[in-house]
């Protein structure tokens, strides 16, 4: 049963991968952003699909962000606005 078909709410996302399966390079991650997205989505009682739709993102893009993968800047800005937090809170310098 997919998220789209039955409104399945998936459990807490796994820790993000540290290395790429294809090339072996270290991945850029944003674990604080992923955790905040997960908490907001659960607090609102949304499925992954509903959250992605609300943000006008592909389901796969939203899911990767929630898993802690580093999004593109324009997407990170959109997500931070949805969370009501400054972008700097998720990407300390």
Foldseek 3Di string as FASTA:
>chain_A
DDCVPPVDADPQADADDQADPPPRHGFDWQQVLLCLLSVVCVVVVHHLVVVCVVLVHPSVLSVCVNNTGDDDPVVLVSSCVVSVHDSCVRPPD
